[in-house]
Amino acid sequence: MRKFILFVFCVPTGVWSILLLSTGVGATTLTFGLGTPFSGAHQPAGTAPWITATFDDSFGDANTVRLTLSATNLVSDESVSDWFFNFDPSLVPTLLTFTVVDNSAAVPNAINTGVDSFRADGDGMYDILFDLPPPPGSMPARFSAGETIVYDIVYVSPITVATFDFLSAMGGGQSSFHTAAHIEGIGPSGDGSGWVGHAPEPSTALLLAFGLVGIAVGRRRRVV
Protein backbone atom coordinates (compact mmCIF):
# COMPACT_ATOMS: atom_id res chain seq x y z
CA MET A 1 0.00 0.00 0.00
CA ARG A 2 1.29 3.45 -0.90
CA LYS A 3 1.57 6.05 1.82
CA PHE A 4 0.80 9.68 1.05
CA ILE A 5 1.72 12.93 2.70
CA LEU A 6 -0.90 15.65 2.18
CA PHE A 7 0.00 19.31 1.81
CA VAL A 8 -2.81 21.85 1.49
CA PHE A 9 -2.03 25.33 0.24
CA CYS A 10 -4.44 28.24 0.59
CA VAL A 11 -4.17 30.26 -2.60
CA PRO A 12 -6.87 32.54 -4.06
CA THR A 13 -7.95 30.51 -7.06
CA GLY A 14 -6.55 27.15 -6.12
CA VAL A 15 -3.73 26.35 -8.54
CA TRP A 16 -1.77 23.48 -7.08
CA SER A 17 -4.19 23.58 -4.16
CA ILE A 18 -3.53 20.00 -3.11
CA LEU A 19 -0.28 18.11 -3.54
CA LEU A 20 0.04 14.42 -2.70
CA LEU A 21 3.58 13.13 -2.29
CA SER A 22 3.83 9.36 -2.34
CA THR A 23 6.51 7.06 -1.03
CA GLY A 24 5.74 5.04 -4.14
CA VAL A 25 4.45 6.43 -7.43
CA GLY A 26 3.17 9.96 -6.81
CA ALA A 27 -0.18 11.40 -7.78
CA THR A 28 -1.03 15.07 -7.93
CA THR A 29 -4.06 17.24 -8.50
CA LEU A 30 -3.81 20.60 -10.24
CA THR A 31 -6.84 22.91 -10.09
CA PHE A 32 -7.23 26.13 -12.05
CA GLY A 33 -9.95 28.52 -10.91
CA LEU A 34 -10.87 30.98 -13.67
CA GLY A 35 -11.62 34.17 -11.82
CA THR A 36 -9.89 36.90 -13.85
CA PRO A 37 -11.95 38.72 -16.51
CA PHE A 38 -9.72 40.04 -19.31
CA SER A 39 -11.79 41.05 -22.31
CA GLY A 40 -13.18 44.28 -20.93
CA ALA A 41 -16.65 43.02 -21.81
CA HIS A 42 -19.25 41.46 -19.50
CA GLN A 43 -18.32 39.74 -16.24
CA PRO A 44 -20.24 36.68 -14.98
CA ALA A 45 -22.68 37.49 -12.20
CA GLY A 46 -21.65 34.84 -9.66
CA THR A 47 -18.68 34.63 -7.32
CA ALA A 48 -15.21 34.15 -8.81
CA PRO A 49 -13.76 31.75 -9.72
CA TRP A 50 -16.70 31.16 -12.01
CA ILE A 51 -15.45 27.90 -13.50
CA THR A 52 -12.73 25.42 -12.53
CA ALA A 53 -10.58 22.86 -14.32
CA THR A 54 -8.95 20.03 -12.35
CA PHE A 55 -6.21 17.76 -13.70
CA ASP A 56 -5.61 14.48 -11.83
CA ASP A 57 -2.93 11.94 -12.76
CA SER A 58 -4.04 9.23 -10.31
CA PHE A 59 -6.39 7.67 -12.89
CA GLY A 60 -5.41 5.04 -15.45
CA ASP A 61 -1.80 4.43 -16.43
CA ALA A 62 1.20 6.75 -16.62
CA ASN A 63 0.04 8.08 -19.99
CA THR A 64 -3.32 9.31 -18.66
CA VAL A 65 -4.48 12.47 -16.90
CA ARG A 66 -8.13 13.03 -15.98
CA LEU A 67 -9.62 16.48 -16.61
CA THR A 68 -12.76 17.63 -14.80
CA LEU A 69 -14.41 20.82 -16.05
CA SER A 70 -16.88 22.43 -13.66
CA ALA A 71 -19.17 25.41 -14.22
CA THR A 72 -18.93 25.96 -10.48
CA ASN A 73 -20.21 29.48 -9.96
CA LEU A 74 -22.03 30.36 -13.14
CA VAL A 75 -25.62 31.47 -12.62
CA SER A 76 -28.88 31.59 -14.56
CA ASP A 77 -28.33 31.12 -18.33
CA GLU A 78 -24.56 31.66 -18.27
CA SER A 79 -22.63 28.96 -20.13
CA VAL A 80 -19.12 28.11 -21.36
CA SER A 81 -18.78 28.14 -25.15
CA ASP A 82 -14.99 27.76 -25.55
CA TRP A 83 -12.38 26.54 -23.07
CA PHE A 84 -8.64 26.73 -23.82
CA PHE A 85 -5.64 24.90 -22.31
CA ASN A 86 -1.87 24.80 -22.69
CA PHE A 87 0.37 21.77 -23.19
CA ASP A 88 4.05 21.09 -22.60
CA PRO A 89 5.82 22.81 -25.54
CA SER A 90 8.34 19.96 -25.76
CA LEU A 91 5.50 17.55 -26.62
CA VAL A 92 3.07 17.28 -29.55
CA PRO A 93 -0.56 18.15 -28.68
CA THR A 94 -1.96 16.55 -31.84
CA LEU A 95 -0.94 13.16 -30.40
CA LEU A 96 -3.39 13.58 -27.52
CA THR A 97 -6.61 11.58 -27.43
CA PHE A 98 -9.66 12.37 -25.30
CA THR A 99 -11.81 9.62 -23.83
CA VAL A 100 -15.24 10.46 -22.41
CA VAL A 101 -15.77 9.72 -18.72
CA ASP A 102 -18.89 11.87 -18.31
CA ASN A 103 -20.15 14.39 -20.83
CA SER A 104 -23.83 14.01 -20.02
CA ALA A 105 -24.02 17.71 -19.12
CA ALA A 106 -22.67 18.95 -22.47
CA VAL A 107 -21.15 17.20 -25.48
CA PRO A 108 -18.41 19.31 -27.12
CA ASN A 109 -18.86 20.15 -30.78
CA ALA A 110 -15.15 19.30 -31.07
CA ILE A 111 -11.93 19.01 -29.07
CA ASN A 112 -9.17 20.57 -31.15
CA THR A 113 -5.38 20.40 -30.68
CA GLY A 114 -2.40 22.19 -32.23
CA VAL A 115 0.69 24.09 -31.14
CA ASP A 116 -0.38 27.67 -30.29
CA SER A 117 -3.29 27.21 -32.68
CA PHE A 118 -6.19 28.76 -30.75
CA ARG A 119 -6.56 32.37 -29.61
CA ALA A 120 -8.66 33.31 -26.60
CA ASP A 121 -10.04 36.76 -27.40
CA GLY A 122 -6.84 38.67 -28.24
CA ASP A 123 -4.77 37.65 -25.23
CA GLY A 124 -2.95 34.41 -25.91
CA MET A 125 -2.44 31.32 -28.04
CA TYR A 126 -3.35 27.87 -26.69
CA ASP A 127 -2.79 24.23 -27.67
CA ILE A 128 -6.13 22.63 -26.72
CA LEU A 129 -9.65 23.93 -27.36
CA PHE A 130 -12.90 22.46 -26.07
CA ASP A 131 -15.51 23.84 -28.48
CA LEU A 132 -18.77 23.65 -26.52
CA PRO A 133 -22.31 24.39 -27.74
CA PRO A 134 -23.71 26.64 -29.07
CA PRO A 135 -23.77 26.57 -32.01
CA PRO A 136 -25.52 24.32 -32.61
CA GLY A 137 -27.68 23.42 -29.62
CA SER A 138 -30.46 24.81 -27.53
CA MET A 139 -30.00 25.89 -23.92
CA PRO A 140 -30.14 22.33 -22.47
CA ALA A 141 -27.17 21.39 -24.67
CA ARG A 142 -24.96 24.13 -23.27
CA PHE A 143 -22.37 23.69 -20.52
CA SER A 144 -24.09 25.83 -17.92
CA ALA A 145 -24.46 26.65 -14.23
CA GLY A 146 -23.45 23.90 -11.81
CA GLU A 147 -22.63 21.28 -14.46
CA THR A 148 -19.52 19.09 -14.77
CA ILE A 149 -17.93 17.18 -17.65
CA VAL A 150 -15.01 14.74 -17.36
CA TYR A 151 -12.46 13.45 -19.88
CA ASP A 152 -9.40 11.22 -19.66
CA ILE A 153 -6.54 12.72 -21.68
CA VAL A 154 -4.13 10.12 -23.07
CA TYR A 155 -0.72 10.72 -24.62
CA VAL A 156 1.73 8.41 -26.38
CA SER A 157 4.21 8.65 -23.47
CA PRO A 158 3.93 9.37 -19.73
CA ILE A 159 2.36 12.67 -18.70
CA THR A 160 1.42 14.29 -15.40
CA VAL A 161 -0.62 17.28 -14.29
CA ALA A 162 2.54 19.37 -14.74
CA THR A 163 2.29 18.71 -18.49
CA PHE A 164 -0.63 21.16 -18.56
CA ASP A 165 0.86 23.76 -16.21
CA PHE A 166 2.10 26.24 -18.83
CA LEU A 167 1.18 29.79 -19.78
CA SER A 168 -0.30 30.71 -23.12
CA ALA A 169 1.97 32.12 -25.81
CA MET A 170 1.46 35.83 -26.37
CA GLY A 171 -0.88 36.46 -29.28
CA GLY A 172 -1.18 40.23 -29.42
CA GLY A 173 -2.89 40.83 -26.10
CA GLN A 174 -1.70 41.94 -22.69
CA SER A 175 -1.93 38.77 -20.63
CA SER A 176 -0.90 35.11 -20.47
CA PHE A 177 -3.02 32.56 -18.65
CA HIS A 178 -2.80 28.88 -17.72
CA THR A 179 -6.31 28.46 -19.11
CA ALA A 180 -9.02 30.74 -20.50
CA ALA A 181 -12.70 30.46 -21.43
CA HIS A 182 -15.51 32.35 -23.14
CA ILE A 183 -18.68 32.78 -21.08
CA GLU A 184 -22.00 33.49 -22.83
CA GLY A 185 -25.51 34.28 -21.60
CA ILE A 186 -24.37 36.99 -19.17
CA GLY A 187 -26.76 39.66 -17.91
CA PRO A 188 -30.53 39.99 -17.42
CA SER A 189 -31.24 39.57 -21.13
CA GLY A 190 -28.69 36.77 -21.53
CA ASP A 191 -27.08 38.33 -24.58
CA GLY A 192 -23.79 39.43 -22.96
CA SER A 193 -20.50 37.54 -23.07
CA GLY A 194 -16.96 37.88 -21.76
CA TRP A 195 -13.61 36.14 -21.37
CA VAL A 196 -12.14 34.83 -18.12
CA GLY A 197 -8.80 33.21 -17.29
CA HIS A 198 -6.58 31.82 -14.59
CA ALA A 199 -3.84 34.33 -13.83
CA PRO A 200 -0.28 33.16 -13.04
CA GLU A 201 0.42 32.36 -9.40
CA PRO A 202 3.46 31.23 -7.37
CA SER A 203 4.58 27.70 -8.19
CA THR A 204 4.12 24.81 -5.82
CA ALA A 205 7.84 24.77 -5.11
CA LEU A 206 7.74 28.41 -4.06
CA LEU A 207 4.70 27.86 -1.87
CA LEU A 208 6.33 24.86 -0.25
CA ALA A 209 9.50 26.88 0.35
CA PHE A 210 7.47 29.61 2.04
CA GLY A 211 5.81 26.98 4.21
CA LEU A 212 9.13 25.51 5.27
CA VAL A 213 10.51 28.95 6.06
CA GLY A 214 7.42 29.67 8.14
CA ILE A 215 7.88 26.44 10.09
CA ALA A 216 11.55 27.24 10.73
CA VAL A 217 10.74 30.76 11.91
CA GLY A 218 7.99 29.44 14.16
CA ARG A 219 10.31 26.92 15.75
CA ARG A 220 12.98 29.55 16.32
CA ARG A 221 10.49 31.85 18.00
CA ARG A 222 9.33 29.09 20.30
CA VAL A 223 12.92 28.28 21.26
CA VAL A 224 13.70 31.93 21.92
C-alpha atoms as a PDB file:
ATOM      1  CA  MET A   1       0.000   0.000   0.000  1.00  0.00           C
ATOM      2  CA  ARG A   2       1.289   3.450  -0.904  1.00  0.00           C
ATOM      3  CA  LYS A   3       1.575   6.050   1.825  1.00  0.00           C
ATOM      4  CA  PHE A   4       0.799   9.677   1.050  1.00  0.00           C
ATOM      5  CA  ILE A   5       1.717  12.929   2.698  1.00  0.00           C
ATOM      6  CA  LEU A   6      -0.900  15.646   2.181  1.00  0.00           C
ATOM      7  CA  PHE A   7      -0.001  19.309   1.810  1.00  0.00           C
ATOM      8  CA  VAL A   8      -2.810  21.847   1.490  1.00  0.00           C
ATOM      9  CA  PHE A   9      -2.033  25.331   0.238  1.00  0.00           C
ATOM     10  CA  CYS A  10      -4.443  28.243   0.591  1.00  0.00           C
ATOM     11  CA  VAL A  11      -4.170  30.258  -2.603  1.00  0.00           C
ATOM     12  CA  PRO A  12      -6.870  32.539  -4.059  1.00  0.00           C
ATOM     13  CA  THR A  13      -7.955  30.507  -7.063  1.00  0.00           C
ATOM     14  CA  GLY A  14      -6.553  27.146  -6.123  1.00  0.00           C
ATOM     15  CA  VAL A  15      -3.732  26.353  -8.542  1.00  0.00           C
ATOM     16  CA  TRP A  16      -1.768  23.476  -7.079  1.00  0.00           C
ATOM     17  CA  SER A  17      -4.192  23.584  -4.156  1.00  0.00           C
ATOM     18  CA  ILE A  18      -3.529  19.996  -3.105  1.00  0.00           C
ATOM     19  CA  LEU A  19      -0.275  18.112  -3.537  1.00  0.00           C
ATOM     20  CA  LEU A  20       0.038  14.425  -2.704  1.00  0.00           C
ATOM     21  CA  LEU A  21       3.576  13.134  -2.286  1.00  0.00           C
ATOM     22  CA  SER A  22       3.831   9.362  -2.336  1.00  0.00           C
ATOM     23  CA  THR A  23       6.505   7.060  -1.027  1.00  0.00           C
ATOM     24  CA  GLY A  24       5.739   5.036  -4.139  1.00  0.00           C
ATOM     25  CA  VAL A  25       4.449   6.431  -7.428  1.00  0.00           C
ATOM     26  CA  GLY A  26       3.171   9.960  -6.815  1.00  0.00           C
ATOM     27  CA  ALA A  27      -0.180  11.399  -7.775  1.00  0.00           C
ATOM     28  CA  THR A  28      -1.027  15.073  -7.934  1.00  0.00           C
ATOM     29  CA  THR A  29      -4.058  17.242  -8.498  1.00  0.00           C
ATOM     30  CA  LEU A  30      -3.815  20.597 -10.238  1.00  0.00           C
ATOM     31  CA  THR A  31      -6.837  22.913 -10.088  1.00  0.00           C
ATOM     32  CA  PHE A  32      -7.228  26.130 -12.046  1.00  0.00           C
ATOM     33  CA  GLY A  33      -9.945  28.525 -10.914  1.00  0.00           C
ATOM     34  CA  LEU A  34     -10.866  30.977 -13.672  1.00  0.00           C
ATOM     35  CA  GLY A  35     -11.624  34.175 -11.821  1.00  0.00           C
ATOM     36  CA  THR A  36      -9.888  36.895 -13.851  1.00  0.00           C
ATOM     37  CA  PRO A  37     -11.946  38.723 -16.511  1.00  0.00           C
ATOM     38  CA  PHE A  38      -9.719  40.037 -19.307  1.00  0.00           C
ATOM     39  CA  SER A  39     -11.790  41.049 -22.313  1.00  0.00           C
ATOM     40  CA  GLY A  40     -13.182  44.277 -20.927  1.00  0.00           C
ATOM     41  CA  ALA A  41     -16.651  43.017 -21.805  1.00  0.00           C
ATOM     42  CA  HIS A  42     -19.247  41.461 -19.497  1.00  0.00           C
ATOM     43  CA  GLN A  43     -18.318  39.736 -16.241  1.00  0.00           C
ATOM     44  CA  PRO A  44     -20.238  36.675 -14.981  1.00  0.00           C
ATOM     45  CA  ALA A  45     -22.680  37.494 -12.197  1.00  0.00           C
ATOM     46  CA  GLY A  46     -21.649  34.839  -9.660  1.00  0.00           C
ATOM     47  CA  THR A  47     -18.684  34.631  -7.321  1.00  0.00           C
ATOM     48  CA  ALA A  48     -15.205  34.150  -8.805  1.00  0.00           C
ATOM     49  CA  PRO A  49     -13.756  31.752  -9.722  1.00  0.00           C
ATOM     50  CA  TRP A  50     -16.697  31.163 -12.011  1.00  0.00           C
ATOM     51  CA  ILE A  51     -15.449  27.900 -13.498  1.00  0.00           C
ATOM     52  CA  THR A  52     -12.734  25.422 -12.528  1.00  0.00           C
ATOM     53  CA  ALA A  53     -10.579  22.857 -14.317  1.00  0.00           C
ATOM     54  CA  THR A  54      -8.952  20.031 -12.348  1.00  0.00           C
ATOM     55  CA  PHE A  55      -6.206  17.757 -13.701  1.00  0.00           C
ATOM     56  CA  ASP A  56      -5.611  14.484 -11.832  1.00  0.00           C
ATOM     57  CA  ASP A  57      -2.926  11.940 -12.761  1.00  0.00           C
ATOM     58  CA  SER A  58      -4.044   9.229 -10.309  1.00  0.00           C
ATOM     59  CA  PHE A  59      -6.390   7.665 -12.894  1.00  0.00           C
ATOM     60  CA  GLY A  60      -5.411   5.036 -15.451  1.00  0.00           C
ATOM     61  CA  ASP A  61      -1.798   4.429 -16.431  1.00  0.00           C
ATOM     62  CA  ALA A  62       1.196   6.751 -16.617  1.00  0.00           C
ATOM     63  CA  ASN A  63       0.042   8.079 -19.991  1.00  0.00           C
ATOM     64  CA  THR A  64      -3.316   9.315 -18.662  1.00  0.00           C
ATOM     65  CA  VAL A  65      -4.475  12.474 -16.898  1.00  0.00           C
ATOM     66  CA  ARG A  66      -8.129  13.031 -15.982  1.00  0.00           C
ATOM     67  CA  LEU A  67      -9.621  16.479 -16.607  1.00  0.00           C
ATOM     68  CA  THR A  68     -12.759  17.628 -14.798  1.00  0.00           C
ATOM     69  CA  LEU A  69     -14.408  20.815 -16.050  1.00  0.00           C
ATOM     70  CA  SER A  70     -16.879  22.434 -13.656  1.00  0.00           C
ATOM     71  CA  ALA A  71     -19.172  25.406 -14.216  1.00  0.00           C
ATOM     72  CA  THR A  72     -18.926  25.957 -10.485  1.00  0.00           C
ATOM     73  CA  ASN A  73     -20.212  29.480  -9.958  1.00  0.00           C
ATOM     74  CA  LEU A  74     -22.033  30.358 -13.141  1.00  0.00           C
ATOM     75  CA  VAL A  75     -25.621  31.471 -12.617  1.00  0.00           C
ATOM     76  CA  SER A  76     -28.883  31.591 -14.558  1.00  0.00           C
ATOM     77  CA  ASP A  77     -28.333  31.122 -18.329  1.00  0.00           C
ATOM     78  CA  GLU A  78     -24.556  31.656 -18.274  1.00  0.00           C
ATOM     79  CA  SER A  79     -22.633  28.957 -20.126  1.00  0.00           C
ATOM     80  CA  VAL A  80     -19.123  28.109 -21.360  1.00  0.00           C
ATOM     81  CA  SER A  81     -18.782  28.136 -25.149  1.00  0.00           C
ATOM     82  CA  ASP A  82     -14.985  27.759 -25.548  1.00  0.00           C
ATOM     83  CA  TRP A  83     -12.378  26.538 -23.071  1.00  0.00           C
ATOM     84  CA  PHE A  84      -8.635  26.727 -23.821  1.00  0.00           C
ATOM     85  CA  PHE A  85      -5.643  24.903 -22.307  1.00  0.00           C
ATOM     86  CA  ASN A  86      -1.875  24.797 -22.695  1.00  0.00           C
ATOM     87  CA  PHE A  87       0.365  21.765 -23.193  1.00  0.00           C
ATOM     88  CA  ASP A  88       4.051  21.091 -22.604  1.00  0.00           C
ATOM     89  CA  PRO A  89       5.825  22.809 -25.543  1.00  0.00           C
ATOM     90  CA  SER A  90       8.338  19.962 -25.761  1.00  0.00           C
ATOM     91  CA  LEU A  91       5.498  17.547 -26.621  1.00  0.00           C
ATOM     92  CA  VAL A  92       3.065  17.277 -29.554  1.00  0.00           C
ATOM     93  CA  PRO A  93      -0.560  18.151 -28.677  1.00  0.00           C
ATOM     94  CA  THR A  94      -1.963  16.552 -31.844  1.00  0.00           C
ATOM     95  CA  LEU A  95      -0.939  13.163 -30.401  1.00  0.00           C
ATOM     96  CA  LEU A  96      -3.389  13.579 -27.521  1.00  0.00           C
ATOM     97  CA  THR A  97      -6.610  11.584 -27.426  1.00  0.00           C
ATOM     98  CA  PHE A  98      -9.656  12.365 -25.302  1.00  0.00           C
ATOM     99  CA  THR A  99     -11.812   9.625 -23.827  1.00  0.00           C
ATOM    100  CA  VAL A 100     -15.241  10.460 -22.408  1.00  0.00           C
ATOM    101  CA  VAL A 101     -15.773   9.718 -18.718  1.00  0.00           C
ATOM    102  CA  ASP A 102     -18.887  11.866 -18.312  1.00  0.00           C
ATOM    103  CA  ASN A 103     -20.152  14.391 -20.834  1.00  0.00           C
ATOM    104  CA  SER A 104     -23.829  14.008 -20.016  1.00  0.00           C
ATOM    105  CA  ALA A 105     -24.017  17.713 -19.124  1.00  0.00           C
ATOM    106  CA  ALA A 106     -22.669  18.950 -22.466  1.00  0.00           C
ATOM    107  CA  VAL A 107     -21.148  17.201 -25.476  1.00  0.00           C
ATOM    108  CA  PRO A 108     -18.406  19.309 -27.120  1.00  0.00           C
ATOM    109  CA  ASN A 109     -18.863  20.146 -30.783  1.00  0.00           C
ATOM    110  CA  ALA A 110     -15.154  19.300 -31.072  1.00  0.00           C
ATOM    111  CA  ILE A 111     -11.931  19.008 -29.066  1.00  0.00           C
ATOM    112  CA  ASN A 112      -9.172  20.574 -31.152  1.00  0.00           C
ATOM    113  CA  THR A 113      -5.384  20.398 -30.680  1.00  0.00           C
ATOM    114  CA  GLY A 114      -2.402  22.186 -32.226  1.00  0.00           C
ATOM    115  CA  VAL A 115       0.687  24.086 -31.143  1.00  0.00           C
ATOM    116  CA  ASP A 116      -0.379  27.671 -30.293  1.00  0.00           C
ATOM    117  CA  SER A 117      -3.289  27.214 -32.676  1.00  0.00           C
ATOM    118  CA  PHE A 118      -6.187  28.765 -30.752  1.00  0.00           C
ATOM    119  CA  ARG A 119      -6.561  32.370 -29.614  1.00  0.00           C
ATOM    120  CA  ALA A 120      -8.661  33.308 -26.602  1.00  0.00           C
ATOM    121  CA  ASP A 121     -10.037  36.758 -27.401  1.00  0.00           C
ATOM    122  CA  GLY A 122      -6.836  38.667 -28.243  1.00  0.00           C
ATOM    123  CA  ASP A 123      -4.771  37.648 -25.228  1.00  0.00           C
ATOM    124  CA  GLY A 124      -2.952  34.408 -25.912  1.00  0.00           C
ATOM    125  CA  MET A 125      -2.442  31.321 -28.042  1.00  0.00           C
ATOM    126  CA  TYR A 126      -3.347  27.874 -26.694  1.00  0.00           C
ATOM    127  CA  ASP A 127      -2.787  24.229 -27.667  1.00  0.00           C
ATOM    128  CA  ILE A 128      -6.125  22.634 -26.719  1.00  0.00           C
ATOM    129  CA  LEU A 129      -9.646  23.925 -27.356  1.00  0.00           C
ATOM    130  CA  PHE A 130     -12.901  22.459 -26.070  1.00  0.00           C
ATOM    131  CA  ASP A 131     -15.512  23.842 -28.482  1.00  0.00           C
ATOM    132  CA  LEU A 132     -18.766  23.653 -26.517  1.00  0.00           C
ATOM    133  CA  PRO A 133     -22.315  24.386 -27.743  1.00  0.00           C
ATOM    134  CA  PRO A 134     -23.708  26.641 -29.072  1.00  0.00           C
ATOM    135  CA  PRO A 135     -23.771  26.571 -32.010  1.00  0.00           C
ATOM    136  CA  PRO A 136     -25.521  24.318 -32.612  1.00  0.00           C
ATOM    137  CA  GLY A 137     -27.677  23.419 -29.624  1.00  0.00           C
ATOM    138  CA  SER A 138     -30.465  24.810 -27.526  1.00  0.00           C
ATOM    139  CA  MET A 139     -30.001  25.891 -23.917  1.00  0.00           C
ATOM    140  CA  PRO A 140     -30.144  22.330 -22.465  1.00  0.00           C
ATOM    141  CA  ALA A 141     -27.167  21.389 -24.667  1.00  0.00           C
ATOM    142  CA  ARG A 142     -24.957  24.132 -23.265  1.00  0.00           C
ATOM    143  CA  PHE A 143     -22.366  23.691 -20.520  1.00  0.00           C
ATOM    144  CA  SER A 144     -24.085  25.829 -17.920  1.00  0.00           C
ATOM    145  CA  ALA A 145     -24.455  26.646 -14.235  1.00  0.00           C
ATOM    146  CA  GLY A 146     -23.449  23.900 -11.814  1.00  0.00           C
ATOM    147  CA  GLU A 147     -22.627  21.283 -14.461  1.00  0.00           C
ATOM    148  CA  THR A 148     -19.525  19.093 -14.775  1.00  0.00           C
ATOM    149  CA  ILE A 149     -17.932  17.175 -17.648  1.00  0.00           C
ATOM    150  CA  VAL A 150     -15.008  14.743 -17.359  1.00  0.00           C
ATOM    151  CA  TYR A 151     -12.458  13.447 -19.883  1.00  0.00           C
ATOM    152  CA  ASP A 152      -9.403  11.223 -19.661  1.00  0.00           C
ATOM    153  CA  ILE A 153      -6.545  12.716 -21.677  1.00  0.00           C
ATOM    154  CA  VAL A 154      -4.130  10.122 -23.065  1.00  0.00           C
ATOM    155  CA  TYR A 155      -0.724  10.723 -24.620  1.00  0.00           C
ATOM    156  CA  VAL A 156       1.729   8.411 -26.376  1.00  0.00           C
ATOM    157  CA  SER A 157       4.209   8.647 -23.473  1.00  0.00           C
ATOM    158  CA  PRO A 158       3.927   9.368 -19.727  1.00  0.00           C
ATOM    159  CA  ILE A 159       2.357  12.675 -18.701  1.00  0.00           C
ATOM    160  CA  THR A 160       1.418  14.289 -15.397  1.00  0.00           C
ATOM    161  CA  VAL A 161      -0.623  17.281 -14.294  1.00  0.00           C
ATOM    162  CA  ALA A 162       2.542  19.374 -14.741  1.00  0.00           C
ATOM    163  CA  THR A 163       2.292  18.705 -18.491  1.00  0.00           C
ATOM    164  CA  PHE A 164      -0.630  21.163 -18.557  1.00  0.00           C
ATOM    165  CA  ASP A 165       0.861  23.756 -16.208  1.00  0.00           C
ATOM    166  CA  PHE A 166       2.097  26.239 -18.826  1.00  0.00           C
ATOM    167  CA  LEU A 167       1.185  29.790 -19.780  1.00  0.00           C
ATOM    168  CA  SER A 168      -0.300  30.715 -23.123  1.00  0.00           C
ATOM    169  CA  ALA A 169       1.966  32.123 -25.809  1.00  0.00           C
ATOM    170  CA  MET A 170       1.456  35.828 -26.374  1.00  0.00           C
ATOM    171  CA  GLY A 171      -0.879  36.457 -29.277  1.00  0.00           C
ATOM    172  CA  GLY A 172      -1.181  40.233 -29.423  1.00  0.00           C
ATOM    173  CA  GLY A 173      -2.888  40.834 -26.096  1.00  0.00           C
ATOM    174  CA  GLN A 174      -1.705  41.944 -22.689  1.00  0.00           C
ATOM    175  CA  SER A 175      -1.925  38.769 -20.635  1.00  0.00           C
ATOM    176  CA  SER A 176      -0.900  35.106 -20.474  1.00  0.00           C
ATOM    177  CA  PHE A 177      -3.019  32.558 -18.648  1.00  0.00           C
ATOM    178  CA  HIS A 178      -2.801  28.878 -17.721  1.00  0.00           C
ATOM    179  CA  THR A 179      -6.306  28.456 -19.113  1.00  0.00           C
ATOM    180  CA  ALA A 180      -9.023  30.735 -20.501  1.00  0.00           C
ATOM    181  CA  ALA A 181     -12.696  30.460 -21.434  1.00  0.00           C
ATOM    182  CA  HIS A 182     -15.512  32.346 -23.143  1.00  0.00           C
ATOM    183  CA  ILE A 183     -18.681  32.776 -21.084  1.00  0.00           C
ATOM    184  CA  GLU A 184     -22.002  33.493 -22.829  1.00  0.00           C
ATOM    185  CA  GLY A 185     -25.505  34.281 -21.604  1.00  0.00           C
ATOM    186  CA  ILE A 186     -24.368  36.985 -19.172  1.00  0.00           C
ATOM    187  CA  GLY A 187     -26.756  39.656 -17.910  1.00  0.00           C
ATOM    188  CA  PRO A 188     -30.532  39.992 -17.421  1.00  0.00           C
ATOM    189  CA  SER A 189     -31.235  39.574 -21.130  1.00  0.00           C
ATOM    190  CA  GLY A 190     -28.690  36.766 -21.527  1.00  0.00           C
ATOM    191  CA  ASP A 191     -27.076  38.331 -24.585  1.00  0.00           C
ATOM    192  CA  GLY A 192     -23.791  39.428 -22.956  1.00  0.00           C
ATOM    193  CA  SER A 193     -20.495  37.541 -23.068  1.00  0.00           C
ATOM    194  CA  GLY A 194     -16.962  37.880 -21.756  1.00  0.00           C
ATOM    195  CA  TRP A 195     -13.612  36.139 -21.373  1.00  0.00           C
ATOM    196  CA  VAL A 196     -12.137  34.829 -18.124  1.00  0.00           C
ATOM    197  CA  GLY A 197      -8.800  33.215 -17.292  1.00  0.00           C
ATOM    198  CA  HIS A 198      -6.585  31.824 -14.592  1.00  0.00           C
ATOM    199  CA  ALA A 199      -3.841  34.329 -13.825  1.00  0.00           C
ATOM    200  CA  PRO A 200      -0.284  33.162 -13.040  1.00  0.00           C
ATOM    201  CA  GLU A 201       0.420  32.362  -9.398  1.00  0.00           C
ATOM    202  CA  PRO A 202       3.462  31.228  -7.374  1.00  0.00           C
ATOM    203  CA  SER A 203       4.584  27.699  -8.190  1.00  0.00           C
ATOM    204  CA  THR A 204       4.120  24.809  -5.822  1.00  0.00           C
ATOM    205  CA  ALA A 205       7.837  24.773  -5.107  1.00  0.00           C
ATOM    206  CA  LEU A 206       7.742  28.408  -4.061  1.00  0.00           C
ATOM    207  CA  LEU A 207       4.695  27.861  -1.874  1.00  0.00           C
ATOM    208  CA  LEU A 208       6.327  24.865  -0.251  1.00  0.00           C
ATOM    209  CA  ALA A 209       9.502  26.880   0.352  1.00  0.00           C
ATOM    210  CA  PHE A 210       7.474  29.609   2.038  1.00  0.00           C
ATOM    211  CA  GLY A 211       5.812  26.979   4.207  1.00  0.00           C
ATOM    212  CA  LEU A 212       9.133  25.507   5.269  1.00  0.00           C
ATOM    213  CA  VAL A 213      10.507  28.947   6.059  1.00  0.00           C
ATOM    214  CA  GLY A 214       7.422  29.668   8.141  1.00  0.00           C
ATOM    215  CA  ILE A 215       7.878  26.445  10.094  1.00  0.00           C
ATOM    216  CA  ALA A 216      11.550  27.243  10.728  1.00  0.00           C
ATOM    217  CA  VAL A 217      10.743  30.759  11.914  1.00  0.00           C
ATOM    218  CA  GLY A 218       7.987  29.436  14.158  1.00  0.00           C
ATOM    219  CA  ARG A 219      10.308  26.921  15.750  1.00  0.00           C
ATOM    220  CA  ARG A 220      12.976  29.554  16.317  1.00  0.00           C
ATOM    221  CA  ARG A 221      10.491  31.847  18.001  1.00  0.00           C
ATOM    222  CA  ARG A 222       9.328  29.092  20.299  1.00  0.00           C
ATOM    223  CA  VAL A 223      12.924  28.281  21.262  1.00  0.00           C
ATOM    224  CA  VAL A 224      13.696  31.933  21.919  1.00  0.00           C
END
